[in-house]
Protein backbone atom coordinates (compact mmCIF):
# COMPACT_ATOMS: atom_id res chain seq x y z
CA MET A 1 -14.97 8.60 -4.13
CA ASN A 2 -12.32 9.97 -0.96
CA PHE A 3 -9.12 9.16 -3.24
CA GLY A 4 -7.30 10.51 -0.16
CA ARG A 5 -8.71 8.09 2.80
CA VAL A 6 -7.41 4.94 0.25
CA ILE A 7 -3.84 6.82 -0.75
CA ALA A 8 -3.34 6.66 3.46
CA LEU A 9 -4.69 2.93 3.78
CA CYS A 10 -2.44 2.12 1.02
CA VAL A 11 0.93 3.27 2.65
CA PHE A 12 -0.44 2.49 6.30
CA LEU A 13 -1.60 -1.72 5.61
CA SER A 14 1.84 -2.35 6.17
CA PRO A 15 2.68 -5.86 8.60
CA GLN A 16 2.86 -3.80 11.87
CA ILE A 17 3.05 -5.55 15.96
CA ALA A 18 2.12 -4.99 18.96
CA THR A 19 4.28 -1.86 20.27
CA GLY A 20 3.64 -2.53 23.56
CA GLN A 21 6.80 -4.47 23.81
CA THR A 22 9.90 -2.72 24.57
CA LEU A 23 13.21 -2.87 22.63
CA GLN A 24 14.80 -5.68 25.28
CA GLU A 25 11.83 -7.92 25.05
CA LYS A 26 12.11 -7.44 21.50
CA TRP A 27 15.82 -8.36 21.03
CA GLN A 28 15.04 -11.22 23.58
CA SER A 29 11.88 -12.42 21.52
CA LEU A 30 14.69 -12.34 18.33
CA PHE A 31 17.13 -14.61 19.98
CA HIS A 32 14.50 -16.88 21.33
CA GLN A 33 12.51 -17.14 17.98
CA SER A 34 15.73 -17.07 15.88
CA TRP A 35 17.87 -20.38 18.29
CA ASP A 36 14.40 -22.31 18.02
CA GLY A 37 14.88 -25.38 15.43
CA GLN A 38 18.22 -24.37 13.95
CA PRO A 39 21.10 -26.98 14.31
CA PHE A 40 23.81 -26.68 16.87
CA ALA A 41 27.20 -25.62 15.32
CA VAL A 42 29.03 -27.09 18.17
CA THR A 43 27.85 -28.61 21.53
CA GLN A 44 29.21 -27.75 25.01
CA GLN A 45 29.65 -30.92 25.34
CA SER A 46 32.34 -31.03 22.74
CA LEU A 47 33.29 -27.52 23.57
CA ASP A 48 34.00 -28.45 27.64
CA MET A 49 36.16 -31.52 26.33
CA TYR A 50 39.00 -28.59 25.45
CA PRO A 51 40.39 -26.09 27.69
CA VAL A 52 39.29 -22.74 27.73
CA LEU A 53 42.57 -21.15 27.47
CA LEU A 54 43.33 -22.73 24.31
CA LEU A 55 40.09 -21.76 22.33
CA GLU A 56 40.87 -18.10 22.91
CA SER A 57 43.00 -16.39 20.04
CA SER A 58 45.45 -14.79 22.43
CA VAL A 59 47.40 -17.82 22.78
CA ARG A 60 48.79 -17.13 19.27
CA TYR A 61 51.25 -14.58 21.43
CA VAL A 62 53.70 -14.15 24.22
CA ASP A 63 52.38 -13.09 27.40
CA LEU A 64 54.31 -10.23 28.69
CA ASP A 65 52.66 -9.90 31.81
CA LYS A 66 54.49 -13.02 32.49
CA PHE A 67 57.69 -13.00 29.75
CA THR A 68 60.00 -10.77 28.59
CA TRP A 69 62.01 -10.18 25.13
CA SER A 70 64.90 -11.58 26.52
CA ASP A 71 62.82 -14.75 27.98
CA ILE A 72 62.40 -15.42 24.21
CA GLU A 73 65.42 -14.24 23.20
CA GLY A 74 66.87 -16.44 25.53
CA LEU A 75 64.76 -19.87 24.77
CA TYR A 76 65.38 -18.97 20.85
CA THR A 77 69.03 -18.88 21.31
CA LEU A 78 69.08 -22.24 23.35
CA SER A 79 66.83 -24.13 21.26
CA LYS A 80 69.41 -23.25 18.79
CA THR A 81 72.72 -24.19 20.58
CA CYS A 82 71.11 -26.76 23.37
CA GLN A 83 72.91 -25.00 26.09
CA PRO A 84 70.89 -23.20 28.70
CA ASP A 85 71.54 -20.31 30.75
CA LYS A 86 72.65 -21.25 33.83
CA LYS A 87 70.85 -18.22 35.67
CA TYR A 88 67.08 -18.85 33.99
CA SER A 89 64.22 -17.55 35.91
CA GLU A 90 62.23 -20.47 37.74
CA HIS A 91 58.46 -19.45 35.67
CA LEU A 92 60.75 -20.85 31.52
CA LYS A 93 61.64 -24.13 33.48
CA ASP A 94 58.99 -25.79 31.80
CA ALA A 95 59.95 -24.28 28.79
CA ILE A 96 63.75 -24.97 28.72
CA GLU A 97 63.12 -28.48 29.66
CA PHE A 98 60.80 -28.80 26.04
CA GLU A 99 63.16 -27.00 24.08
CA LEU A 100 66.30 -28.97 25.29
CA ALA A 101 64.08 -32.35 24.80
CA LEU A 102 63.58 -31.11 20.78
CA CYS A 103 66.89 -29.91 20.65
CA LYS A 104 68.59 -33.33 21.43
CA GLY A 105 66.02 -35.32 19.59
CA ARG A 106 64.18 -36.22 22.47
CA SER A 107 60.73 -37.97 22.80
CA LEU A 108 58.13 -36.86 25.03
CA ASP A 109 55.43 -38.84 26.26
CA ILE A 110 51.86 -37.52 26.82
CA ASP A 111 52.27 -37.73 30.66
CA TRP A 112 54.69 -34.87 30.22
CA PHE A 113 52.04 -32.19 28.56
CA THR A 114 49.72 -33.37 31.14
CA SER A 115 51.96 -32.51 34.25
CA HIS A 116 53.33 -28.92 32.86
CA ASN A 117 52.13 -25.83 31.42
CA LEU A 118 49.97 -25.53 28.45
CA LEU A 119 51.06 -22.37 26.97
CA HIS A 120 54.86 -22.12 26.11
CA PRO A 121 56.30 -18.47 26.71
CA ALA A 122 56.96 -17.93 23.28
CA GLY A 123 53.32 -18.16 21.85
CA GLY A 124 50.62 -21.12 21.30
CA SER A 125 51.01 -24.73 23.17
CA PHE A 126 53.50 -26.42 24.01
CA ALA A 127 51.83 -29.19 21.56
CA ASP A 128 51.39 -27.74 18.53
CA ARG A 129 55.38 -26.90 18.43
CA TYR A 130 56.01 -30.75 19.50
CA LEU A 131 53.23 -32.07 16.77
CA ALA A 132 55.22 -29.78 14.08
CA ARG A 133 58.68 -30.94 14.70
CA SER A 134 57.19 -34.35 15.32
CA PRO A 135 53.91 -35.13 13.16
CA ASP A 136 53.23 -38.85 14.19
CA THR A 137 49.49 -40.04 14.19
CA LEU A 138 49.58 -41.69 17.51
CA ILE A 139 50.90 -38.73 19.11
CA LYS A 140 48.69 -36.52 17.50
CA LYS A 141 45.44 -37.85 18.50
CA GLN A 142 46.92 -38.17 22.34
CA LEU A 143 47.71 -34.74 22.08
CA ALA A 144 44.63 -33.50 20.35
CA ARG A 145 43.27 -31.96 23.35
CA TYR A 146 46.58 -30.35 24.60
CA LEU A 147 46.34 -27.54 21.10
CA THR A 148 45.13 -24.63 19.94
CA VAL A 149 42.03 -24.08 18.57
CA GLY A 150 43.87 -22.54 15.63
CA ASN A 151 45.76 -25.86 14.97
CA THR A 152 44.30 -27.48 12.02
CA ASP A 153 44.90 -30.75 13.63
CA HIS A 154 42.00 -29.21 16.69
CA PRO A 155 38.92 -31.25 16.39
CA LEU A 156 37.03 -28.04 16.54
CA HIS A 157 39.23 -25.79 13.49
CA ASP A 158 37.05 -26.57 10.93
CA ARG A 159 33.59 -25.80 12.94
CA LEU A 160 35.28 -22.63 14.87
CA SER A 161 37.36 -21.44 12.32
CA ILE A 162 34.63 -19.82 10.45
CA LEU A 163 34.31 -17.21 13.14
CA SER A 164 36.78 -14.49 13.70
CA ASP A 165 38.99 -14.20 16.76
CA VAL A 166 37.17 -11.64 18.54
CA GLY A 167 33.73 -13.52 17.62
CA ARG A 168 35.31 -16.14 19.15
CA ASP A 169 36.65 -14.36 21.77
CA SER A 170 33.08 -12.84 22.85
CA LEU A 171 31.44 -15.16 22.93
CA LEU A 172 34.21 -17.75 25.14
CA GLN A 173 33.90 -14.87 27.24
CA GLY A 174 30.26 -14.99 28.09
CA TYR A 175 28.60 -12.65 25.17
CA ARG A 176 25.70 -15.00 23.85
CA ALA A 177 25.58 -13.17 20.53
CA TRP A 178 27.62 -12.37 17.68
CA LEU A 179 27.06 -11.19 13.95
CA GLU A 180 29.65 -12.26 12.08
CA GLY A 181 28.96 -11.18 8.24
CA ASN A 182 25.40 -12.44 7.58
CA ILE A 183 25.85 -15.45 10.30
CA LEU A 184 23.88 -14.79 13.38
CA TRP A 185 25.94 -16.69 16.18
CA LEU A 186 24.21 -17.78 19.68
CA THR A 187 25.08 -19.08 22.86
CA GLY A 188 23.36 -21.03 25.17
CA GLU A 189 23.83 -23.95 27.93
CA GLN A 190 23.66 -27.32 25.44
CA GLY A 191 26.30 -25.14 22.59
CA TRP A 192 26.62 -22.87 19.67
CA LYS A 193 24.45 -22.29 16.83
CA ALA A 194 25.31 -20.36 13.33
CA VAL A 195 21.59 -19.06 12.56
CA PRO A 196 21.30 -17.98 8.52
CA PRO A 197 20.14 -14.88 7.26
CA GLU A 198 17.48 -16.25 5.88
CA HIS A 199 16.22 -17.35 9.14
CA TRP A 200 16.80 -14.65 11.60
CA ARG A 201 16.01 -11.62 9.24
CA PRO A 202 12.60 -11.98 9.08
CA ILE A 203 12.28 -12.39 12.36
CA ALA A 204 13.24 -9.28 13.12
CA GLN A 205 11.10 -7.84 10.31
CA ASN A 206 8.32 -8.84 11.99
CA LEU A 207 10.15 -7.78 15.06
CA ASN A 208 10.62 -4.28 13.47
CA ILE A 209 14.45 -3.90 14.90
CA THR A 210 17.62 -4.03 13.22
CA ILE A 211 20.77 -5.27 14.50
CA THR A 212 22.73 -3.59 12.34
CA GLY A 213 23.40 -0.13 11.49
CA LYS A 214 25.61 3.36 13.30
CA ASN A 215 22.49 4.33 15.17
CA CYS A 216 21.87 2.07 18.00
CA ALA A 217 19.23 2.25 20.75
CA PHE A 218 21.83 -0.49 23.02
CA ARG A 219 24.54 -2.60 21.85
CA TYR A 220 25.21 -6.17 22.91
CA SER A 221 28.62 -7.34 21.42
CA ASN A 222 28.59 -6.24 17.91
CA LEU A 223 25.50 -6.21 17.66
CA CYS A 224 23.61 -2.61 17.16
CA VAL A 225 19.79 -3.33 18.40
CA ASN A 226 17.58 -0.36 17.44
CA GLN A 227 13.81 -0.24 16.27
CA ALA A 228 13.63 -0.45 12.38
CA VAL A 229 13.51 3.32 10.78
CA PHE A 230 10.28 3.29 8.76
CA ASN A 231 11.68 2.73 5.09
CA THR A 232 9.20 4.96 3.26
CA GLN A 233 10.97 5.08 -0.04
CA HIS A 234 9.17 2.34 -1.82
CA TYR A 235 5.72 3.71 -0.20
CA MET A 236 6.22 7.00 -1.65
CA LEU A 237 6.74 6.00 -5.08
CA LEU A 238 3.81 3.93 -4.87
CA VAL A 239 1.98 7.03 -3.82
CA ILE A 240 3.31 9.14 -6.54
CA ALA A 241 2.38 6.32 -8.96
CA LEU A 242 -1.34 6.06 -7.27
CA VAL A 243 -1.84 9.77 -7.83
CA THR A 244 -0.32 9.88 -10.76
CA SER A 245 -2.77 7.47 -12.18
CA PHE A 246 -5.73 9.25 -10.64
CA VAL A 247 -5.01 12.68 -11.65
CA ALA A 248 -4.19 11.31 -14.71
CA PHE A 249 -7.49 9.11 -14.95
CA GLY A 250 -9.35 12.26 -13.62
CA ILE A 251 -7.90 14.53 -16.53
CA LYS A 252 -8.50 11.74 -19.28
CA TYR A 253 -12.38 11.91 -17.57
CA LEU A 254 -12.93 15.14 -17.80
CA TYR A 255 -11.77 15.75 -21.04
CA VAL A 256 -14.21 12.76 -23.11
CA ARG A 257 -16.97 14.47 -21.35
CA ARG A 258 -15.74 17.53 -22.02
CA ARG A 259 -15.31 16.56 -25.81
CA GLN A 260 -18.55 14.38 -25.50
CA SER A 261 -20.58 17.40 -24.45
CA GLN A 262 -19.14 20.03 -27.41
CA GLU A 263 -19.88 17.06 -29.90
CA ARG A 264 -23.53 17.14 -28.46
CA ARG A 265 -23.52 20.71 -28.35
CA PHE A 266 -22.76 21.28 -31.81
CA VAL A 267 -24.90 18.13 -33.46
CA LEU A 268 -27.32 20.07 -31.20
CA GLN A 269 -26.71 23.67 -33.01
CA LEU A 270 -26.38 22.14 -36.05
CA LEU A 271 -29.90 20.45 -36.27
CA THR A 272 -31.46 23.82 -34.74
CA HIS A 273 -29.48 26.11 -38.00
CA GLU A 274 -30.61 23.50 -39.97
CA LEU A 275 -34.25 23.05 -38.82
CA ARG A 276 -34.99 26.95 -39.52
CA THR A 277 -35.22 26.09 -43.40
CA PRO A 278 -38.18 23.45 -43.39
CA MET A 279 -39.97 25.34 -40.70
CA THR A 280 -39.97 28.92 -42.62
CA SER A 281 -41.17 26.42 -45.46
CA LEU A 282 -43.44 23.87 -42.80
CA GLY A 283 -45.22 27.38 -41.91
CA LEU A 284 -46.03 28.61 -45.03
CA THR A 285 -47.49 25.94 -46.23
CA VAL A 286 -50.06 25.99 -42.88
CA GLU A 287 -50.52 29.01 -43.52
CA VAL A 288 -51.84 28.50 -47.28
CA PHE A 289 -54.32 25.34 -45.68
CA ARG A 290 -55.33 27.99 -42.74
CA LYS A 291 -56.73 30.51 -45.90
CA GLN A 292 -57.90 27.36 -47.34
CA PHE A 293 -59.71 26.42 -43.93
CA ASP A 294 -62.79 26.43 -44.31
CA GLU A 295 -63.23 25.48 -48.19
CA LEU A 296 -62.13 21.62 -46.89
CA SER A 297 -63.86 18.81 -45.90
CA VAL A 298 -64.43 17.75 -42.25
CA ASP A 299 -61.74 15.85 -42.26
CA ALA A 300 -59.39 17.61 -43.74
CA GLN A 301 -60.18 20.22 -41.39
CA GLY A 302 -59.67 17.41 -38.63
CA ALA A 303 -56.02 17.09 -40.19
CA VAL A 304 -55.16 20.90 -40.76
CA TRP A 305 -55.31 21.62 -36.84
CA ARG A 306 -53.06 18.58 -36.36
CA LEU A 307 -50.99 19.55 -38.81
CA ILE A 308 -51.13 23.41 -36.79
CA SER A 309 -50.87 21.70 -33.85
CA ASP A 310 -46.95 19.65 -34.49
CA TYR A 311 -45.85 23.04 -36.03
CA GLN A 312 -46.35 25.08 -33.09
CA ARG A 313 -45.29 22.33 -30.79
CA LEU A 314 -41.74 22.35 -33.39
CA LEU A 315 -41.62 25.69 -33.87
CA GLN A 316 -41.57 25.90 -29.73
CA LEU A 317 -38.94 23.34 -29.02
CA THR A 318 -36.46 24.95 -32.17
CA ASP A 319 -36.83 28.51 -30.49
CA GLN A 320 -36.15 26.77 -26.79
CA SER A 321 -33.30 24.91 -28.11
CA LYS A 322 -31.84 27.89 -29.80
CA ALA A 323 -32.02 29.70 -26.68
CA TYR A 324 -30.79 26.80 -24.80
CA LEU A 325 -27.80 26.85 -26.63
CA ASN A 326 -27.22 30.57 -25.98
CA ALA A 327 -28.05 30.49 -22.89
CA ASN A 328 -24.80 31.49 -20.09
CA ASP A 329 -24.30 32.18 -16.51
CA ASP A 330 -25.24 36.24 -17.53
CA GLU A 331 -28.32 35.26 -20.00
CA PRO A 332 -30.29 32.07 -18.21
CA LEU A 333 -32.70 30.21 -19.66
CA LYS A 334 -35.75 32.49 -21.43
CA ARG A 335 -38.88 32.44 -18.64
CA GLN A 336 -42.59 33.66 -19.03
CA THR A 337 -45.33 34.74 -16.22
CA GLY A 338 -47.73 32.28 -16.34
CA SER A 339 -51.00 30.72 -13.66
CA LEU A 340 -49.04 27.19 -11.51
CA ASP A 341 -52.55 25.44 -11.96
CA GLU A 342 -53.05 25.66 -15.36
CA TRP A 343 -49.27 24.74 -15.94
CA LEU A 344 -49.93 21.71 -13.84
CA CYS A 345 -52.88 20.61 -15.27
CA HIS A 346 -51.76 21.16 -19.13
CA VAL A 347 -48.66 18.57 -18.18
CA CYS A 348 -51.24 16.32 -15.86
CA GLU A 349 -53.73 16.03 -17.77
CA LYS A 350 -51.93 14.89 -20.68
CA HIS A 351 -50.26 12.01 -18.55
CA ASN A 352 -53.78 11.45 -16.71
CA ILE A 353 -52.49 11.60 -13.50
CA ASP A 354 -53.68 13.56 -10.81
CA TYR A 355 -51.85 16.77 -8.89
CA GLN A 356 -51.93 17.68 -5.23
CA LEU A 357 -51.19 21.73 -4.95
CA GLU A 358 -52.02 23.92 -2.10
CA ASN A 359 -52.23 27.29 -3.24
CA ASP A 360 -52.70 28.79 -6.88
CA ILE A 361 -49.74 31.56 -7.98
CA GLU A 362 -48.63 33.52 -10.97
CA ILE A 363 -45.02 32.06 -11.40
CA TYR A 364 -41.96 33.70 -13.90
CA VAL A 365 -39.86 30.57 -14.87
CA PRO A 366 -38.98 28.84 -17.52
CA PHE A 367 -42.19 27.23 -18.34
CA TYR A 368 -40.56 25.42 -21.60
CA TRP A 369 -37.52 23.17 -19.99
CA LEU A 370 -39.50 23.19 -16.68
CA THR A 371 -41.87 21.54 -18.87
CA VAL A 372 -39.29 18.84 -20.07
CA CYS A 373 -38.08 17.62 -17.06
CA LEU A 374 -41.60 16.95 -14.61
CA GLU A 375 -42.32 15.04 -18.09
CA ASN A 376 -39.17 13.13 -17.75
CA LEU A 377 -39.82 12.44 -13.80
CA ILE A 378 -43.45 11.60 -14.89
CA ASN A 379 -42.11 8.71 -17.60
CA ASN A 380 -39.52 7.41 -15.77
CA ALA A 381 -42.02 6.89 -12.84
CA LYS A 382 -44.15 5.32 -15.68
CA ILE A 383 -41.41 2.87 -16.99
CA HIS A 384 -38.85 2.45 -13.78
CA GLY A 385 -41.81 2.95 -10.62
CA SER A 386 -44.52 1.21 -9.20
CA GLY A 387 -47.89 1.60 -8.04
CA LYS A 388 -49.93 5.05 -7.84
CA ILE A 389 -47.90 7.91 -9.45
CA GLU A 390 -48.54 11.27 -7.78
CA VAL A 391 -47.12 15.25 -8.55
CA ILE A 392 -47.50 17.01 -5.13
CA VAL A 393 -46.56 20.55 -5.83
CA SER A 394 -46.07 23.58 -3.70
CA ALA A 395 -44.74 27.29 -3.93
CA THR A 396 -44.09 29.20 -0.56
CA GLY A 397 -40.30 30.80 -0.82
CA SER A 398 -39.39 28.10 -3.61
CA LEU A 399 -41.38 25.98 -6.18
CA ILE A 400 -41.84 22.24 -5.16
CA ILE A 401 -42.90 19.38 -7.49
CA GLU A 402 -42.67 15.86 -5.90
CA VAL A 403 -43.33 13.26 -8.24
CA ARG A 404 -43.61 10.16 -5.64
CA ASP A 405 -44.25 6.62 -6.97
CA ASP A 406 -44.29 3.27 -4.91
CA GLY A 407 -40.89 1.76 -6.16
CA ARG A 408 -37.73 1.66 -4.60
CA TYR A 409 -34.99 4.37 -6.07
CA PRO A 410 -32.02 2.20 -6.83
CA SER A 411 -28.89 2.57 -4.75
CA MET A 412 -25.81 4.56 -6.27
CA PHE A 413 -23.40 1.68 -6.69
CA ARG A 414 -26.84 -0.17 -8.55
CA THR A 415 -27.22 3.04 -10.35
CA PHE A 416 -23.01 3.02 -11.46
CA ILE A 417 -23.33 -0.65 -12.48
CA ASN A 418 -26.43 0.60 -14.77
CA ARG A 419 -24.48 2.62 -17.08
CA PHE A 420 -22.17 -0.15 -18.35
CA GLN A 421 -25.65 -2.26 -19.45
CA GLN A 422 -27.51 -2.60 -22.44
CA ARG A 423 -31.17 -1.11 -21.34
CA ASP A 424 -34.16 -1.13 -23.70
CA ARG A 425 -34.62 2.74 -24.05
CA SER A 426 -37.36 2.73 -26.95
CA GLN A 427 -40.04 4.23 -23.87
CA ASN A 428 -37.66 6.25 -22.38
CA MET A 429 -37.54 9.61 -23.50
CA GLY A 430 -33.80 9.74 -23.65
CA VAL A 431 -33.86 12.93 -21.81
CA GLY A 432 -32.24 11.46 -18.28
CA LEU A 433 -31.64 12.13 -14.70
CA THR A 434 -28.68 14.05 -15.73
CA ILE A 435 -30.21 16.47 -17.80
CA VAL A 436 -32.73 16.54 -15.86
CA SER A 437 -29.90 17.95 -12.93
CA HIS A 438 -27.82 19.61 -15.51
CA LEU A 439 -31.46 22.03 -16.61
CA MET A 440 -32.58 22.43 -13.28
CA LYS A 441 -28.99 24.28 -12.25
CA LEU A 442 -29.57 26.13 -15.25
CA MET A 443 -32.51 27.36 -14.18
CA GLY A 444 -30.81 27.85 -10.19
CA GLY A 445 -32.78 25.38 -8.94
CA LYS A 446 -31.88 21.73 -8.41
CA LEU A 447 -32.84 18.26 -8.54
CA ARG A 448 -32.88 15.98 -5.36
CA ILE A 449 -33.77 12.13 -5.10
CA ARG A 450 -35.28 10.32 -2.38
CA ARG A 451 -35.32 6.53 -1.69
CA ASP A 452 -38.07 3.89 -0.93
CA PRO A 453 -40.69 4.84 -1.93
CA THR A 454 -38.78 7.09 -5.34
CA ARG A 455 -39.11 10.17 -4.63
CA CYS A 456 -38.05 13.17 -7.09
CA ILE A 457 -38.41 16.49 -6.17
CA LEU A 458 -37.68 19.87 -8.46
CA GLU A 459 -36.69 22.71 -6.23
CA LEU A 460 -36.84 26.42 -8.03
CA PRO A 461 -36.48 29.29 -6.14
CA LEU A 462 -39.28 31.83 -6.67
């Protein structure tokens, strides 16, 4: 399994958007999607009821383009003395008339505010200053249109006071978006909307753009619009965790396999060592029977021949196991020279199957372990295969032994699943294809498996 591909897949399986859109188009999409489904904070109809001039923040301060500090000082003196300066500027006429009325306690009706300038030279509107001196409920309702939005009696004060002065001025001056804290203010032909972050942020993330930050592709009002930089920190942590887990799992797996291999090797060494004493004793017993062979009955002679045959097989198994345990890269398994045809005849006749051999040659191979491998393949074919079993052999450069049947070898996935399932091994040799493959590698060859039909092939260079 290619873990590198799995890790790469984990990293790049994140929400993506179509890359065909430009950043400007993404910003327009963010605007329209954020606008949809949100209520109006203030309608355009409500805004049109009041002069735009009185909604701006600059009306709170002295307009030094029209008035001087001397003008303001003269108005202040007038409010205290009720004595106007005979030489006043014409542009102060409305303010002087207003201050004299307040000074003398004279009431002003709505018509006066309608027919005169809206703003007082010292800042604010005439209506703001008049209500501060005469908080009459009736006149308050009549003067609502002439108040500045900063006045708490202005009908739009509560709805627009959550906006900063700069933000409100920007939207009044024509900008269609402003970010106030986490609230995204948007304007349209029908009014203004205050979009909460839980609505616009998922849209921005889906479009892969940001509207805050220091590096901007372009600025719009106080928005810093940019392509979102892919934050790989948490993905890198995930990748590191996955790699660490895979490495830890691999190390543990190799450690367990090594321990199991060492334990099996120890058990085999122990058995081989402990078999020496009974095999020596059994050899002495066989020798005694052999010396008295002619004195035995016919049935006893048959039993002695079986005893001698079994003793020779056990002795061979013990010797070959010892050779296997002592084998290493510099000291391969013990080899012998023999006829290929005679060896095949001996193995296949025992299992009552036919074999095909192109030409007989003398070969120098580890016959004992090669026999173990071949018999294991034949028994596997008998137990798990189907149809006729054939052994096809060729020896041109390499010894190729193919055990074929009409069955279908299971897939790699099925083989993996079978490892975790209980199976009846009573008729199996217990060696397994894994051990066959390992033995072939020790001999310098390899085991190849082909499916449909099943073909298990032993390949050994000569």
